[in-house]
N, C-alpha and C. Protein backbone atom coordinates (compact mmCIF):
# COMPACT_ATOMS: atom_id res chain seq x y z
N MET A 1 -101.85 -60.89 4.95
CA MET A 1 -100.51 -60.42 4.70
C MET A 1 -99.77 -60.27 6.03
N LYS A 2 -98.60 -60.89 6.09
CA LYS A 2 -97.77 -60.77 7.28
C LYS A 2 -97.07 -59.42 7.26
N SER A 3 -97.11 -58.76 8.37
CA SER A 3 -96.49 -57.44 8.47
C SER A 3 -94.99 -57.56 8.64
N GLU A 4 -94.27 -56.56 8.14
CA GLU A 4 -92.83 -56.46 8.32
C GLU A 4 -92.48 -55.80 9.66
N LYS A 5 -93.50 -55.40 10.40
CA LYS A 5 -93.29 -54.69 11.65
C LYS A 5 -93.62 -55.59 12.85
N SER A 6 -93.01 -55.29 13.98
CA SER A 6 -93.32 -56.03 15.20
C SER A 6 -94.67 -55.57 15.74
N GLU A 7 -95.18 -56.32 16.70
CA GLU A 7 -96.47 -55.98 17.31
C GLU A 7 -96.44 -54.60 17.97
N ILE A 8 -95.38 -54.29 18.68
CA ILE A 8 -95.29 -52.99 19.35
C ILE A 8 -95.19 -51.87 18.31
N GLN A 9 -94.44 -52.09 17.25
CA GLN A 9 -94.34 -51.07 16.20
C GLN A 9 -95.71 -50.82 15.57
N LEU A 10 -96.45 -51.88 15.29
CA LEU A 10 -97.79 -51.72 14.73
C LEU A 10 -98.69 -50.95 15.69
N HIS A 11 -98.58 -51.24 16.97
CA HIS A 11 -99.39 -50.57 17.99
C HIS A 11 -99.10 -49.07 18.02
N ILE A 12 -97.82 -48.71 18.04
CA ILE A 12 -97.43 -47.30 18.11
C ILE A 12 -97.85 -46.57 16.84
N ILE A 13 -97.58 -47.16 15.70
CA ILE A 13 -97.92 -46.54 14.42
C ILE A 13 -99.43 -46.36 14.31
N SER A 14 -100.18 -47.34 14.76
CA SER A 14 -101.65 -47.24 14.74
C SER A 14 -102.14 -46.10 15.63
N LYS A 15 -101.56 -45.98 16.83
CA LYS A 15 -101.95 -44.88 17.73
C LYS A 15 -101.68 -43.53 17.09
N LEU A 16 -100.51 -43.40 16.46
CA LEU A 16 -100.15 -42.13 15.84
C LEU A 16 -101.01 -41.84 14.62
N LYS A 17 -101.36 -42.87 13.87
CA LYS A 17 -102.26 -42.69 12.73
C LYS A 17 -103.63 -42.25 13.22
N ASP A 18 -104.11 -42.87 14.30
CA ASP A 18 -105.40 -42.47 14.88
C ASP A 18 -105.38 -41.01 15.32
N LEU A 19 -104.27 -40.58 15.94
CA LEU A 19 -104.14 -39.18 16.35
C LEU A 19 -104.13 -38.26 15.12
N ARG A 20 -103.42 -38.68 14.09
CA ARG A 20 -103.36 -37.89 12.86
C ARG A 20 -104.76 -37.72 12.28
N GLU A 21 -105.47 -38.82 12.17
CA GLU A 21 -106.81 -38.78 11.57
C GLU A 21 -107.80 -38.03 12.46
N ALA A 22 -107.72 -38.21 13.77
CA ALA A 22 -108.62 -37.52 14.69
C ALA A 22 -108.44 -36.00 14.63
N ASN A 23 -107.24 -35.58 14.24
CA ASN A 23 -106.94 -34.15 14.14
C ASN A 23 -107.01 -33.66 12.69
N ASN A 24 -107.57 -34.50 11.82
CA ASN A 24 -107.75 -34.16 10.40
C ASN A 24 -106.47 -33.67 9.74
N LEU A 25 -105.38 -34.37 10.02
CA LEU A 25 -104.11 -34.02 9.41
C LEU A 25 -103.76 -35.00 8.30
N SER A 26 -103.18 -34.50 7.25
CA SER A 26 -102.74 -35.35 6.14
C SER A 26 -101.36 -35.91 6.45
N GLN A 27 -100.97 -36.90 5.67
CA GLN A 27 -99.62 -37.43 5.80
C GLN A 27 -98.59 -36.34 5.47
N ALA A 28 -98.92 -35.46 4.54
CA ALA A 28 -98.01 -34.35 4.18
C ALA A 28 -97.81 -33.42 5.37
N GLN A 29 -98.86 -33.16 6.12
CA GLN A 29 -98.74 -32.30 7.29
C GLN A 29 -97.87 -32.96 8.37
N ILE A 30 -98.00 -34.27 8.51
CA ILE A 30 -97.17 -35.00 9.47
C ILE A 30 -95.70 -34.90 9.05
N CYS A 31 -95.44 -34.99 7.74
CA CYS A 31 -94.07 -34.83 7.23
C CYS A 31 -93.49 -33.50 7.68
N ASP A 32 -94.27 -32.45 7.55
CA ASP A 32 -93.80 -31.12 7.96
C ASP A 32 -93.51 -31.07 9.45
N ILE A 33 -94.37 -31.68 10.24
CA ILE A 33 -94.23 -31.64 11.70
C ILE A 33 -92.95 -32.35 12.15
N ILE A 34 -92.65 -33.49 11.52
CA ILE A 34 -91.50 -34.27 11.97
C ILE A 34 -90.26 -34.08 11.10
N GLY A 35 -90.38 -33.25 10.08
CA GLY A 35 -89.21 -32.90 9.28
C GLY A 35 -88.80 -33.91 8.23
N LEU A 36 -89.76 -34.65 7.69
CA LEU A 36 -89.45 -35.57 6.59
C LEU A 36 -89.64 -34.85 5.25
N ASN A 37 -88.95 -35.33 4.24
CA ASN A 37 -89.02 -34.70 2.92
C ASN A 37 -90.06 -35.32 2.00
N SER A 38 -90.52 -36.53 2.29
CA SER A 38 -91.39 -37.25 1.37
C SER A 38 -92.63 -37.78 2.06
N VAL A 39 -93.79 -37.43 1.49
CA VAL A 39 -95.05 -37.95 2.02
C VAL A 39 -95.08 -39.47 1.92
N GLY A 40 -94.41 -40.00 0.91
CA GLY A 40 -94.36 -41.45 0.74
C GLY A 40 -93.77 -42.15 1.94
N GLN A 41 -92.89 -41.47 2.66
CA GLN A 41 -92.30 -42.08 3.86
C GLN A 41 -93.36 -42.34 4.93
N ILE A 42 -94.31 -41.43 5.07
CA ILE A 42 -95.39 -41.64 6.05
C ILE A 42 -96.26 -42.81 5.59
N GLY A 43 -96.53 -42.86 4.29
CA GLY A 43 -97.28 -43.99 3.75
C GLY A 43 -96.59 -45.31 4.03
N ASN A 44 -95.27 -45.33 3.87
CA ASN A 44 -94.51 -46.55 4.15
C ASN A 44 -94.54 -46.89 5.64
N ILE A 45 -94.49 -45.87 6.48
CA ILE A 45 -94.56 -46.11 7.92
C ILE A 45 -95.92 -46.70 8.28
N GLU A 46 -96.99 -46.16 7.72
CA GLU A 46 -98.33 -46.62 8.07
C GLU A 46 -98.72 -47.92 7.37
N SER A 47 -97.94 -48.38 6.41
CA SER A 47 -98.23 -49.60 5.65
C SER A 47 -97.69 -50.84 6.37
N LEU A 48 -98.41 -51.93 6.22
CA LEU A 48 -97.95 -53.21 6.77
C LEU A 48 -96.81 -53.80 5.95
N LYS A 49 -96.69 -53.39 4.69
CA LYS A 49 -95.76 -54.02 3.76
C LYS A 49 -94.29 -53.67 4.00
N TYR A 50 -94.03 -52.57 4.66
CA TYR A 50 -92.66 -52.08 4.78
C TYR A 50 -92.20 -52.06 6.23
N LYS A 51 -90.89 -52.14 6.42
CA LYS A 51 -90.31 -52.12 7.76
C LYS A 51 -90.23 -50.71 8.34
N HIS A 52 -90.46 -49.69 7.53
CA HIS A 52 -90.33 -48.31 7.98
C HIS A 52 -91.14 -48.07 9.26
N LYS A 53 -90.56 -47.29 10.15
CA LYS A 53 -91.24 -46.91 11.38
C LYS A 53 -90.78 -45.51 11.77
N TYR A 54 -91.52 -44.91 12.68
CA TYR A 54 -91.10 -43.61 13.21
C TYR A 54 -89.87 -43.80 14.09
N THR A 55 -89.01 -42.81 14.09
CA THR A 55 -87.90 -42.80 15.04
C THR A 55 -88.46 -42.33 16.38
N LEU A 56 -87.71 -42.56 17.44
CA LEU A 56 -88.15 -42.08 18.75
C LEU A 56 -88.24 -40.56 18.77
N GLU A 57 -87.34 -39.88 18.08
CA GLU A 57 -87.42 -38.42 18.00
C GLU A 57 -88.70 -37.98 17.30
N GLN A 58 -89.10 -38.67 16.25
CA GLN A 58 -90.33 -38.33 15.53
C GLN A 58 -91.55 -38.58 16.41
N ILE A 59 -91.53 -39.67 17.15
CA ILE A 59 -92.64 -39.96 18.08
C ILE A 59 -92.72 -38.86 19.13
N TYR A 60 -91.57 -38.44 19.64
CA TYR A 60 -91.53 -37.36 20.63
C TYR A 60 -92.11 -36.07 20.04
N ARG A 61 -91.73 -35.73 18.83
CA ARG A 61 -92.26 -34.52 18.18
C ARG A 61 -93.77 -34.60 18.00
N LEU A 62 -94.26 -35.76 17.57
CA LEU A 62 -95.71 -35.92 17.38
C LEU A 62 -96.44 -35.86 18.72
N SER A 63 -95.87 -36.48 19.74
CA SER A 63 -96.46 -36.44 21.07
C SER A 63 -96.61 -34.99 21.53
N ASN A 64 -95.57 -34.21 21.35
CA ASN A 64 -95.62 -32.78 21.72
C ASN A 64 -96.61 -32.01 20.86
N PHE A 65 -96.61 -32.27 19.57
CA PHE A 65 -97.51 -31.56 18.68
C PHE A 65 -98.97 -31.81 19.07
N PHE A 66 -99.30 -33.07 19.32
CA PHE A 66 -100.67 -33.43 19.67
C PHE A 66 -100.98 -33.17 21.15
N ASN A 67 -99.96 -32.75 21.91
CA ASN A 67 -100.12 -32.55 23.35
C ASN A 67 -100.68 -33.84 23.99
N TYR A 68 -100.06 -34.94 23.59
CA TYR A 68 -100.48 -36.27 24.01
C TYR A 68 -99.29 -36.92 24.71
N PRO A 69 -99.44 -37.30 25.97
CA PRO A 69 -98.30 -37.85 26.72
C PRO A 69 -97.68 -39.06 26.02
N ILE A 70 -96.38 -39.03 25.89
CA ILE A 70 -95.69 -40.11 25.17
C ILE A 70 -95.90 -41.46 25.83
N GLU A 71 -96.04 -41.46 27.15
CA GLU A 71 -96.28 -42.75 27.83
C GLU A 71 -97.62 -43.36 27.42
N ARG A 72 -98.59 -42.52 27.03
CA ARG A 72 -99.88 -43.03 26.58
C ARG A 72 -99.78 -43.62 25.17
N ILE A 73 -98.74 -43.25 24.45
CA ILE A 73 -98.52 -43.84 23.13
C ILE A 73 -97.97 -45.26 23.29
N PHE A 74 -97.10 -45.45 24.27
CA PHE A 74 -96.44 -46.74 24.43
C PHE A 74 -97.13 -47.70 25.39
N LEU A 75 -97.83 -47.18 26.39
CA LEU A 75 -98.37 -48.04 27.45
C LEU A 75 -99.89 -48.10 27.41
N THR A 76 -100.42 -49.21 27.89
CA THR A 76 -101.87 -49.37 28.00
C THR A 76 -102.37 -48.66 29.25
N ASP A 77 -103.67 -48.47 29.34
CA ASP A 77 -104.26 -47.86 30.53
C ASP A 77 -103.93 -48.67 31.78
N ILE A 78 -103.94 -49.97 31.66
CA ILE A 78 -103.63 -50.85 32.81
C ILE A 78 -102.18 -50.65 33.24
N GLU A 79 -101.27 -50.55 32.29
CA GLU A 79 -99.86 -50.34 32.62
C GLU A 79 -99.64 -48.97 33.27
N LEU A 80 -100.44 -47.99 32.88
CA LEU A 80 -100.30 -46.64 33.42
C LEU A 80 -100.83 -46.52 34.85
N GLU A 81 -101.62 -47.48 35.30
CA GLU A 81 -102.19 -47.45 36.65
C GLU A 81 -101.21 -47.96 37.71
N LYS A 82 -100.09 -48.49 37.28
CA LYS A 82 -99.12 -49.06 38.22
C LYS A 82 -98.31 -47.96 38.91
N SER A 83 -97.44 -48.37 39.78
CA SER A 83 -96.60 -47.39 40.49
C SER A 83 -95.70 -46.66 39.50
N THR A 84 -95.19 -45.52 39.92
CA THR A 84 -94.32 -44.73 39.06
C THR A 84 -93.12 -45.54 38.58
N THR A 85 -92.53 -46.29 39.48
CA THR A 85 -91.37 -47.10 39.12
C THR A 85 -91.73 -48.13 38.06
N GLU A 86 -92.88 -48.78 38.22
CA GLU A 86 -93.31 -49.78 37.25
C GLU A 86 -93.64 -49.13 35.90
N VAL A 87 -94.25 -47.96 35.93
CA VAL A 87 -94.56 -47.25 34.69
C VAL A 87 -93.28 -46.91 33.94
N VAL A 88 -92.31 -46.37 34.66
CA VAL A 88 -91.03 -46.01 34.04
C VAL A 88 -90.35 -47.25 33.48
N ASN A 89 -90.30 -48.32 34.25
CA ASN A 89 -89.67 -49.56 33.78
C ASN A 89 -90.39 -50.11 32.55
N ASN A 90 -91.72 -50.13 32.58
CA ASN A 90 -92.48 -50.62 31.43
C ASN A 90 -92.25 -49.75 30.20
N LEU A 91 -92.19 -48.45 30.41
CA LEU A 91 -91.95 -47.54 29.29
C LEU A 91 -90.58 -47.79 28.67
N ILE A 92 -89.58 -47.94 29.50
CA ILE A 92 -88.23 -48.21 29.00
C ILE A 92 -88.20 -49.52 28.22
N LEU A 93 -88.82 -50.55 28.76
CA LEU A 93 -88.85 -51.85 28.06
C LEU A 93 -89.58 -51.74 26.71
N LYS A 94 -90.66 -50.98 26.68
CA LYS A 94 -91.38 -50.80 25.41
C LYS A 94 -90.55 -50.01 24.41
N LEU A 95 -89.83 -49.00 24.88
CA LEU A 95 -88.96 -48.23 24.00
C LEU A 95 -87.87 -49.12 23.40
N ILE A 96 -87.29 -49.96 24.23
CA ILE A 96 -86.26 -50.90 23.75
C ILE A 96 -86.85 -51.86 22.72
N ASP A 97 -88.02 -52.39 23.03
CA ASP A 97 -88.68 -53.33 22.13
C ASP A 97 -89.04 -52.67 20.80
N TYR A 98 -89.51 -51.43 20.87
CA TYR A 98 -89.89 -50.69 19.66
C TYR A 98 -88.67 -50.52 18.74
N GLN A 99 -87.51 -50.25 19.32
CA GLN A 99 -86.32 -49.97 18.54
C GLN A 99 -85.76 -51.20 17.81
N LYS A 100 -86.13 -52.40 18.23
CA LYS A 100 -85.59 -53.63 17.61
C LYS A 100 -86.00 -53.74 16.16
């Protein structure tokens, strides 16, 4: 099945799903954390079938909730080893790509 999401979107959603599961949180609990009204929305976000994705604000909220640096959600370990300027530039490019 071809996904309706881009590669970067799949990567980010997968990381957040892994964090959710590692912390034994349900999709309903994630809804409460990010202020969504429907658990089905999280299911749609985590599904390959739908275009739904987290907003940047929701990613920020989850990053804070899990106490997990947002740059680690978007960048690989190799990208994080670069200079501060390169890390910031890569992060900005990934954010732009994610939003498409």
